[in-house]
Amino acid sequence: NEQKRIHAENIRLQKEAMTDSLVKLPNRGALDIEGHKLF
C-alpha cells in the first residue's frame, strides 16, 4: 500500500513538474518530451 501511495505521489509530482502552474497546460519540458515522441 505504501509502495502504491509513493508510486501515485511520484506520478503526481512528475505531472506537476511537467505542467505550467498558472495555465494548467503542459510546460516547455513536457513539450520537449512529447514533441520528440510525436515527431
All heavy atoms as atom14 arrays in JSON, in Angstrom:
{
  "sequence": "NEQKRIHAENIRLQKEAMTDSLVKLPNRGALDIEGHKLF",
  "atom14_mask": [
    [1, 1, 1, 1, 1, 1, 1, 1, 0, 0, 0, 0, 0, 0],
    [1, 1, 1, 1, 1, 1, 1, 1, 1, 0, 0, 0, 0, 0],
    [1, 1, 1, 1, 1, 1, 1, 1, 1, 0, 0, 0, 0, 0],
    [1, 1, 1, 1, 1, 1, 1, 1, 1, 0, 0, 0, 0, 0],
    [1, 1, 1, 1, 1, 1, 1, 1, 1, 1, 1, 0, 0, 0],
    [1, 1, 1, 1, 1, 1, 1, 1, 0, 0, 0, 0, 0, 0],
    [1, 1, 1, 1, 1, 1, 1, 1, 1, 1, 0, 0, 0, 0],
    [1, 1, 1, 1, 1, 0, 0, 0, 0, 0, 0, 0, 0, 0],
    [1, 1, 1, 1, 1, 1, 1, 1, 1, 0, 0, 0, 0, 0],
    [1, 1, 1, 1, 1, 1, 1, 1, 0, 0, 0, 0, 0, 0],
    [1, 1, 1, 1, 1, 1, 1, 1, 0, 0, 0, 0, 0, 0],
    [1, 1, 1, 1, 1, 1, 1, 1, 1, 1, 1, 0, 0, 0],
    [1, 1, 1, 1, 1, 1, 1, 1, 0, 0, 0, 0, 0, 0],
    [1, 1, 1, 1, 1, 1, 1, 1, 1, 0, 0, 0, 0, 0],
    [1, 1, 1, 1, 1, 1, 1, 1, 1, 0, 0, 0, 0, 0],
    [1, 1, 1, 1, 1, 1, 1, 1, 1, 0, 0, 0, 0, 0],
    [1, 1, 1, 1, 1, 0, 0, 0, 0, 0, 0, 0, 0, 0],
    [1, 1, 1, 1, 1, 1, 1, 1, 0, 0, 0, 0, 0, 0],
    [1, 1, 1, 1, 1, 1, 1, 0, 0, 0, 0, 0, 0, 0],
    [1, 1, 1, 1, 1, 1, 1, 1, 0, 0, 0, 0, 0, 0],
    [1, 1, 1, 1, 1, 1, 0, 0, 0, 0, 0, 0, 0, 0],
    [1, 1, 1, 1, 1, 1, 1, 1, 0, 0, 0, 0, 0, 0],
    [1, 1, 1, 1, 1, 1, 1, 0, 0, 0, 0, 0, 0, 0],
    [1, 1, 1, 1, 1, 1, 1, 1, 1, 0, 0, 0, 0, 0],
    [1, 1, 1, 1, 1, 1, 1, 1, 0, 0, 0, 0, 0, 0],
    [1, 1, 1, 1, 1, 1, 1, 0, 0, 0, 0, 0, 0, 0],
    [1, 1, 1, 1, 1, 1, 1, 1, 0, 0, 0, 0, 0, 0],
    [1, 1, 1, 1, 1, 1, 1, 1, 1, 1, 1, 0, 0, 0],
    [1, 1, 1, 1, 0, 0, 0, 0, 0, 0, 0, 0, 0, 0],
    [1, 1, 1, 1, 1, 0, 0, 0, 0, 0, 0, 0, 0, 0],
    [1, 1, 1, 1, 1, 1, 1, 1, 0, 0, 0, 0, 0, 0],
    [1, 1, 1, 1, 1, 1, 1, 1, 0, 0, 0, 0, 0, 0],
    [1, 1, 1, 1, 1, 1, 1, 1, 0, 0, 0, 0, 0, 0],
    [1, 1, 1, 1, 1, 1, 1, 1, 1, 0, 0, 0, 0, 0],
    [1, 1, 1, 1, 0, 0, 0, 0, 0, 0, 0, 0, 0, 0],
    [1, 1, 1, 1, 1, 1, 1, 1, 1, 1, 0, 0, 0, 0],
    [1, 1, 1, 1, 1, 1, 1, 1, 1, 0, 0, 0, 0, 0],
    [1, 1, 1, 1, 1, 1, 1, 1, 0, 0, 0, 0, 0, 0],
    [1, 1, 1, 1, 1, 1, 1, 1, 1, 1, 1, 0, 0, 0]
  ],
  "atom14_positions": [
    [[0.83, -1.21, 0.0], [0.0, 0.0, 0.0], [0.86, 1.26, 0.0], [0.55, 2.24, -0.68], [-0.94, 0.01, 1.21], [-2.06, -1.0, 1.07], [-2.41, -1.41, -0.04], [-2.62, -1.43, 2.17], [0.0, 0.0, 0.0], [0.0, 0.0, 0.0], [0.0, 0.0, 0.0], [0.0, 0.0, 0.0], [0.0, 0.0, 0.0], [0.0, 0.0, 0.0]],
    [[1.96, 1.2, 0.79], [2.87, 2.34, 0.83], [3.55, 2.53, -0.52], [3.74, 3.66, -0.98], [3.91, 2.12, 1.94], [4.93, 3.25, 2.09], [4.32, 4.58, 2.52], [3.12, 4.62, 2.89], [5.04, 5.59, 2.46], [0.0, 0.0, 0.0], [0.0, 0.0, 0.0], [0.0, 0.0, 0.0], [0.0, 0.0, 0.0], [0.0, 0.0, 0.0]],
    [[3.92, 1.42, -1.15], [4.53, 1.5, -2.48], [3.57, 2.11, -3.49], [3.96, 2.92, -4.33], [4.98, 0.11, -2.94], [6.21, -0.41, -2.21], [6.53, -1.85, -2.56], [5.66, -2.61, -3.0], [7.77, -2.24, -2.35], [0.0, 0.0, 0.0], [0.0, 0.0, 0.0], [0.0, 0.0, 0.0], [0.0, 0.0, 0.0], [0.0, 0.0, 0.0]],
    [[2.28, 1.72, -3.39], [1.28, 2.28, -4.28], [1.12, 3.78, -4.05], [0.99, 4.57, -4.99], [-0.07, 1.58, -4.08], [-0.14, 0.17, -4.63], [-1.49, -0.47, -4.34], [-1.54, -1.91, -4.83], [-2.82, -2.55, -4.47], [0.0, 0.0, 0.0], [0.0, 0.0, 0.0], [0.0, 0.0, 0.0], [0.0, 0.0, 0.0], [0.0, 0.0, 0.0]],
    [[1.14, 4.17, -2.75], [1.0, 5.59, -2.43], [2.18, 6.39, -2.98], [2.01, 7.46, -3.58], [0.92, 5.77, -0.91], [0.61, 7.2, -0.47], [0.88, 7.42, 1.0], [2.29, 7.32, 1.31], [3.19, 8.27, 1.03], [2.81, 9.38, 0.43], [4.45, 8.1, 1.37], [0.0, 0.0, 0.0], [0.0, 0.0, 0.0], [0.0, 0.0, 0.0]],
    [[3.39, 5.84, -2.8], [4.59, 6.51, -3.28], [4.56, 6.6, -4.8], [4.92, 7.63, -5.38], [5.86, 5.76, -2.8], [5.99, 5.91, -1.28], [7.11, 6.29, -3.51], [7.06, 5.03, -0.67], [0.0, 0.0, 0.0], [0.0, 0.0, 0.0], [0.0, 0.0, 0.0], [0.0, 0.0, 0.0], [0.0, 0.0, 0.0], [0.0, 0.0, 0.0]],
    [[4.12, 5.5, -5.45], [4.03, 5.5, -6.91], [3.06, 6.56, -7.4], [3.36, 7.31, -8.34], [3.59, 4.12, -7.39], [3.47, 3.99, -8.88], [4.57, 4.08, -9.73], [2.39, 3.82, -9.69], [4.17, 3.97, -10.98], [2.86, 3.8, -10.99], [0.0, 0.0, 0.0], [0.0, 0.0, 0.0], [0.0, 0.0, 0.0], [0.0, 0.0, 0.0]],
    [[1.9, 6.64, -6.74], [0.89, 7.64, -7.12], [1.43, 9.05, -6.9], [1.21, 9.95, -7.72], [-0.39, 7.42, -6.32], [0.0, 0.0, 0.0], [0.0, 0.0, 0.0], [0.0, 0.0, 0.0], [0.0, 0.0, 0.0], [0.0, 0.0, 0.0], [0.0, 0.0, 0.0], [0.0, 0.0, 0.0], [0.0, 0.0, 0.0], [0.0, 0.0, 0.0]],
    [[2.16, 9.24, -5.79], [2.73, 10.55, -5.49], [3.81, 10.92, -6.51], [3.89, 12.08, -6.94], [3.32, 10.53, -4.07], [3.97, 11.83, -3.62], [2.99, 13.0, -3.48], [1.76, 12.78, -3.57], [3.47, 14.13, -3.29], [0.0, 0.0, 0.0], [0.0, 0.0, 0.0], [0.0, 0.0, 0.0], [0.0, 0.0, 0.0], [0.0, 0.0, 0.0]],
    [[4.6, 9.93, -6.91], [5.63, 10.18, -7.93], [5.01, 10.6, -9.26], [5.5, 11.51, -9.93], [6.5, 8.94, -8.13], [7.48, 8.73, -7.0], [7.8, 9.67, -6.28], [7.95, 7.5, -6.83], [0.0, 0.0, 0.0], [0.0, 0.0, 0.0], [0.0, 0.0, 0.0], [0.0, 0.0, 0.0], [0.0, 0.0, 0.0], [0.0, 0.0, 0.0]],
    [[3.91, 9.92, -9.61], [3.21, 10.28, -10.85], [2.67, 11.7, -10.75], [2.78, 12.49, -11.69], [2.07, 9.28, -11.14], [2.64, 7.91, -11.53], [1.16, 9.79, -12.24], [1.62, 6.82, -11.67], [0.0, 0.0, 0.0], [0.0, 0.0, 0.0], [0.0, 0.0, 0.0], [0.0, 0.0, 0.0], [0.0, 0.0, 0.0], [0.0, 0.0, 0.0]],
    [[2.1, 12.02, -9.57], [1.56, 13.37, -9.37], [2.66, 14.42, -9.48], [2.5, 15.45, -10.15], [0.9, 13.47, -7.99], [0.17, 14.8, -7.76], [-0.27, 14.96, -6.32], [0.85, 15.11, -5.42], [1.52, 16.25, -5.26], [1.19, 17.34, -5.95], [2.52, 16.33, -4.4], [0.0, 0.0, 0.0], [0.0, 0.0, 0.0], [0.0, 0.0, 0.0]],
    [[3.8, 14.15, -8.85], [4.91, 15.1, -8.87], [5.49, 15.24, -10.28], [5.86, 16.34, -10.7], [6.01, 14.65, -7.9], [5.65, 14.76, -6.41], [6.72, 14.12, -5.55], [5.44, 16.22, -6.01], [0.0, 0.0, 0.0], [0.0, 0.0, 0.0], [0.0, 0.0, 0.0], [0.0, 0.0, 0.0], [0.0, 0.0, 0.0], [0.0, 0.0, 0.0]],
    [[5.58, 14.1, -11.0], [6.07, 14.15, -12.38], [5.14, 14.99, -13.25], [5.6, 15.82, -14.06], [6.18, 12.74, -12.95], [7.37, 11.95, -12.4], [7.35, 10.5, -12.85], [6.49, 10.1, -13.63], [8.29, 9.72, -12.38], [0.0, 0.0, 0.0], [0.0, 0.0, 0.0], [0.0, 0.0, 0.0], [0.0, 0.0, 0.0], [0.0, 0.0, 0.0]],
    [[3.84, 14.77, -13.05], [2.86, 15.54, -13.83], [2.94, 17.02, -13.46], [2.87, 17.89, -14.34], [1.44, 15.0, -13.56], [0.38, 15.61, -14.45], [-0.97, 14.95, -14.23], [-2.03, 15.57, -15.13], [-3.36, 14.96, -14.94], [0.0, 0.0, 0.0], [0.0, 0.0, 0.0], [0.0, 0.0, 0.0], [0.0, 0.0, 0.0], [0.0, 0.0, 0.0]],
    [[3.1, 17.28, -12.17], [3.19, 18.65, -11.7], [4.44, 19.34, -12.27], [4.4, 20.51, -12.66], [3.25, 18.66, -10.16], [3.12, 20.03, -9.55], [3.06, 19.95, -8.03], [1.97, 19.67, -7.49], [4.12, 20.14, -7.4], [0.0, 0.0, 0.0], [0.0, 0.0, 0.0], [0.0, 0.0, 0.0], [0.0, 0.0, 0.0], [0.0, 0.0, 0.0]],
    [[5.54, 18.59, -12.32], [6.78, 19.14, -12.85], [6.69, 19.44, -14.33], [7.43, 20.26, -14.86], [7.93, 18.16, -12.59], [0.0, 0.0, 0.0], [0.0, 0.0, 0.0], [0.0, 0.0, 0.0], [0.0, 0.0, 0.0], [0.0, 0.0, 0.0], [0.0, 0.0, 0.0], [0.0, 0.0, 0.0], [0.0, 0.0, 0.0], [0.0, 0.0, 0.0]],
    [[5.78, 18.76, -15.02], [5.61, 18.94, -16.47], [4.4, 19.81, -16.81], [4.0, 19.88, -17.96], [5.44, 17.56, -17.14], [6.69, 16.72, -17.1], [8.02, 17.44, -18.06], [9.4, 16.41, -17.59], [0.0, 0.0, 0.0], [0.0, 0.0, 0.0], [0.0, 0.0, 0.0], [0.0, 0.0, 0.0], [0.0, 0.0, 0.0], [0.0, 0.0, 0.0]],
    [[3.82, 20.48, -15.8], [2.62, 21.3, -16.02], [2.89, 22.74, -15.6], [3.48, 22.99, -14.53], [1.44, 20.74, -15.21], [1.21, 19.38, -15.6], [0.17, 21.54, -15.46], [0.0, 0.0, 0.0], [0.0, 0.0, 0.0], [0.0, 0.0, 0.0], [0.0, 0.0, 0.0], [0.0, 0.0, 0.0], [0.0, 0.0, 0.0], [0.0, 0.0, 0.0]],
    [[2.47, 23.68, -16.42], [2.59, 25.1, -16.07], [1.62, 25.4, -14.94], [0.42, 25.12, -15.04], [2.27, 25.96, -17.29], [2.48, 27.43, -17.02], [1.52, 28.07, -16.56], [3.6, 27.93, -17.24], [0.0, 0.0, 0.0], [0.0, 0.0, 0.0], [0.0, 0.0, 0.0], [0.0, 0.0, 0.0], [0.0, 0.0, 0.0], [0.0, 0.0, 0.0]],
    [[2.13, 25.98, -13.85], [1.31, 26.17, -12.65], [0.21, 27.21, -12.84], [-0.82, 27.16, -12.17], [2.2, 26.59, -11.47], [2.9, 27.79, -11.78], [0.0, 0.0, 0.0], [0.0, 0.0, 0.0], [0.0, 0.0, 0.0], [0.0, 0.0, 0.0], [0.0, 0.0, 0.0], [0.0, 0.0, 0.0], [0.0, 0.0, 0.0], [0.0, 0.0, 0.0]],
    [[0.4, 28.15, -13.79], [-0.61, 29.19, -14.0], [-1.74, 28.72, -14.89], [-2.91, 28.76, -14.51], [0.04, 30.45, -14.59], [-0.92, 31.59, -14.94], [-1.58, 32.14, -13.68], [-0.18, 32.71, -15.7], [0.0, 0.0, 0.0], [0.0, 0.0, 0.0], [0.0, 0.0, 0.0], [0.0, 0.0, 0.0], [0.0, 0.0, 0.0], [0.0, 0.0, 0.0]],
    [[-1.42, 28.25, -16.1], [-2.46, 27.96, -17.08], [-2.88, 26.48, -17.09], [-3.81, 26.1, -17.81], [-2.01, 28.38, -18.5], [-1.73, 29.87, -18.55], [-0.81, 27.57, -18.96], [0.0, 0.0, 0.0], [0.0, 0.0, 0.0], [0.0, 0.0, 0.0], [0.0, 0.0, 0.0], [0.0, 0.0, 0.0], [0.0, 0.0, 0.0], [0.0, 0.0, 0.0]],
    [[-2.17, 25.64, -16.3], [-2.5, 24.2, -16.17], [-2.44, 23.46, -17.51], [-3.24, 22.58, -17.8], [-3.89, 24.0, -15.54], [-4.11, 24.71, -14.22], [-3.09, 24.34, -13.18], [-3.3, 25.09, -11.87], [-2.19, 24.88, -10.91], [0.0, 0.0, 0.0], [0.0, 0.0, 0.0], [0.0, 0.0, 0.0], [0.0, 0.0, 0.0], [0.0, 0.0, 0.0]],
    [[-1.47, 23.87, -18.34], [-1.17, 23.16, -19.58], [0.25, 22.61, -19.48], [1.05, 23.08, -18.65], [-1.26, 24.12, -20.78], [-2.65, 24.48, -21.3], [-2.53, 25.58, -22.35], [-3.35, 23.26, -21.89], [0.0, 0.0, 0.0], [0.0, 0.0, 0.0], [0.0, 0.0, 0.0], [0.0, 0.0, 0.0], [0.0, 0.0, 0.0], [0.0, 0.0, 0.0]],
    [[0.6, 21.59, -20.29], [1.98, 21.1, -20.3], [2.97, 22.25, -20.52], [2.68, 23.2, -21.26], [2.0, 20.11, -21.47], [0.6, 19.62, -21.57], [-0.26, 20.8, -21.21], [0.0, 0.0, 0.0], [0.0, 0.0, 0.0], [0.0, 0.0, 0.0], [0.0, 0.0, 0.0], [0.0, 0.0, 0.0], [0.0, 0.0, 0.0], [0.0, 0.0, 0.0]],
    [[4.13, 22.16, -19.86], [5.13, 23.22, -19.98], [6.2, 22.88, -21.03], [6.05, 21.92, -21.77], [5.77, 23.51, -18.62], [6.47, 22.29, -18.04], [6.79, 21.33, -18.75], [6.7, 22.31, -16.74], [0.0, 0.0, 0.0], [0.0, 0.0, 0.0], [0.0, 0.0, 0.0], [0.0, 0.0, 0.0], [0.0, 0.0, 0.0], [0.0, 0.0, 0.0]],
    [[7.26, 23.68, -21.05], [8.32, 23.51, -22.06], [8.98, 22.12, -21.95], [9.32, 21.51, -22.96], [9.35, 24.63, -21.87], [10.47, 24.66, -22.89], [9.98, 25.23, -24.22], [11.1, 25.44, -25.13], [11.73, 26.6, -25.3], [11.34, 27.68, -24.62], [12.71, 26.71, -26.16], [0.0, 0.0, 0.0], [0.0, 0.0, 0.0], [0.0, 0.0, 0.0]],
    [[9.18, 21.65, -20.71], [9.77, 20.32, -20.52], [8.91, 19.23, -21.11], [9.42, 18.3, -21.75], [0.0, 0.0, 0.0], [0.0, 0.0, 0.0], [0.0, 0.0, 0.0], [0.0, 0.0, 0.0], [0.0, 0.0, 0.0], [0.0, 0.0, 0.0], [0.0, 0.0, 0.0], [0.0, 0.0, 0.0], [0.0, 0.0, 0.0], [0.0, 0.0, 0.0]],
    [[7.59, 19.33, -20.88], [6.67, 18.33, -21.43], [6.65, 18.4, -22.95], [6.56, 17.37, -23.63], [5.26, 18.56, -20.87], [0.0, 0.0, 0.0], [0.0, 0.0, 0.0], [0.0, 0.0, 0.0], [0.0, 0.0, 0.0], [0.0, 0.0, 0.0], [0.0, 0.0, 0.0], [0.0, 0.0, 0.0], [0.0, 0.0, 0.0], [0.0, 0.0, 0.0]],
    [[6.74, 19.62, -23.49], [6.79, 19.79, -24.94], [8.0, 19.08, -25.52], [7.91, 18.41, -26.56], [6.83, 21.29, -25.28], [7.12, 21.64, -26.75], [5.99, 21.17, -27.65], [7.34, 23.15, -26.91], [0.0, 0.0, 0.0], [0.0, 0.0, 0.0], [0.0, 0.0, 0.0], [0.0, 0.0, 0.0], [0.0, 0.0, 0.0], [0.0, 0.0, 0.0]],
    [[9.12, 19.21, -24.86], [10.35, 18.57, -25.32], [10.19, 17.06, -25.4], [10.55, 16.42, -26.39], [11.49, 18.95, -24.38], [12.84, 18.51, -24.91], [13.01, 18.49, -26.15], [13.72, 18.18, -24.1], [0.0, 0.0, 0.0], [0.0, 0.0, 0.0], [0.0, 0.0, 0.0], [0.0, 0.0, 0.0], [0.0, 0.0, 0.0], [0.0, 0.0, 0.0]],
    [[9.6, 16.46, -24.36], [9.44, 15.0, -24.3], [8.39, 14.51, -25.29], [8.64, 13.65, -26.13], [9.08, 14.56, -22.86], [10.25, 14.85, -21.91], [8.71, 13.07, -22.82], [9.92, 14.69, -20.46], [0.0, 0.0, 0.0], [0.0, 0.0, 0.0], [0.0, 0.0, 0.0], [0.0, 0.0, 0.0], [0.0, 0.0, 0.0], [0.0, 0.0, 0.0]],
    [[7.17, 15.09, -25.18], [6.06, 14.62, -26.01], [6.28, 14.99, -27.47], [5.92, 14.23, -28.38], [4.74, 15.21, -25.5], [3.5, 14.61, -26.11], [3.34, 13.13, -25.81], [3.84, 12.68, -24.75], [2.7, 12.42, -26.63], [0.0, 0.0, 0.0], [0.0, 0.0, 0.0], [0.0, 0.0, 0.0], [0.0, 0.0, 0.0], [0.0, 0.0, 0.0]],
    [[6.89, 16.16, -27.69], [7.13, 16.61, -29.05], [8.04, 15.67, -29.82], [7.75, 15.33, -30.98], [0.0, 0.0, 0.0], [0.0, 0.0, 0.0], [0.0, 0.0, 0.0], [0.0, 0.0, 0.0], [0.0, 0.0, 0.0], [0.0, 0.0, 0.0], [0.0, 0.0, 0.0], [0.0, 0.0, 0.0], [0.0, 0.0, 0.0], [0.0, 0.0, 0.0]],
    [[9.11, 15.22, -29.19], [10.02, 14.3, -29.86], [9.37, 12.95, -30.13], [9.63, 12.31, -31.16], [11.3, 14.12, -29.04], [12.26, 15.26, -29.2], [12.31, 16.32, -28.32], [13.19, 15.52, -30.17], [13.24, 17.18, -28.73], [13.78, 16.73, -29.84], [0.0, 0.0, 0.0], [0.0, 0.0, 0.0], [0.0, 0.0, 0.0], [0.0, 0.0, 0.0]],
    [[8.5, 12.52, -29.21], [7.76, 11.25, -29.43], [6.88, 11.35, -30.66], [6.88, 10.47, -31.53], [6.9, 10.92, -28.2], [7.66, 10.38, -27.01], [6.66, 10.06, -25.91], [7.36, 9.66, -24.62], [6.38, 9.45, -23.53], [0.0, 0.0, 0.0], [0.0, 0.0, 0.0], [0.0, 0.0, 0.0], [0.0, 0.0, 0.0], [0.0, 0.0, 0.0]],
    [[6.07, 12.44, -30.72], [5.15, 12.61, -31.85], [5.9, 12.82, -33.16], [5.5, 12.3, -34.21], [4.22, 13.79, -31.57], [3.13, 13.58, -30.52], [2.41, 14.89, -30.23], [2.14, 12.52, -30.97], [0.0, 0.0, 0.0], [0.0, 0.0, 0.0], [0.0, 0.0, 0.0], [0.0, 0.0, 0.0], [0.0, 0.0, 0.0], [0.0, 0.0, 0.0]],
    [[7.0, 13.58, -33.09], [7.77, 13.85, -34.31], [8.38, 12.54, -34.85], [8.35, 12.29, -36.05], [8.87, 14.87, -34.02], [9.52, 15.42, -35.26], [8.91, 16.44, -35.98], [10.72, 14.9, -35.72], [9.49, 16.95, -37.13], [11.31, 15.39, -36.87], [10.69, 16.42, -37.58], [0.0, 0.0, 0.0], [0.0, 0.0, 0.0], [0.0, 0.0, 0.0]]
  ]
}
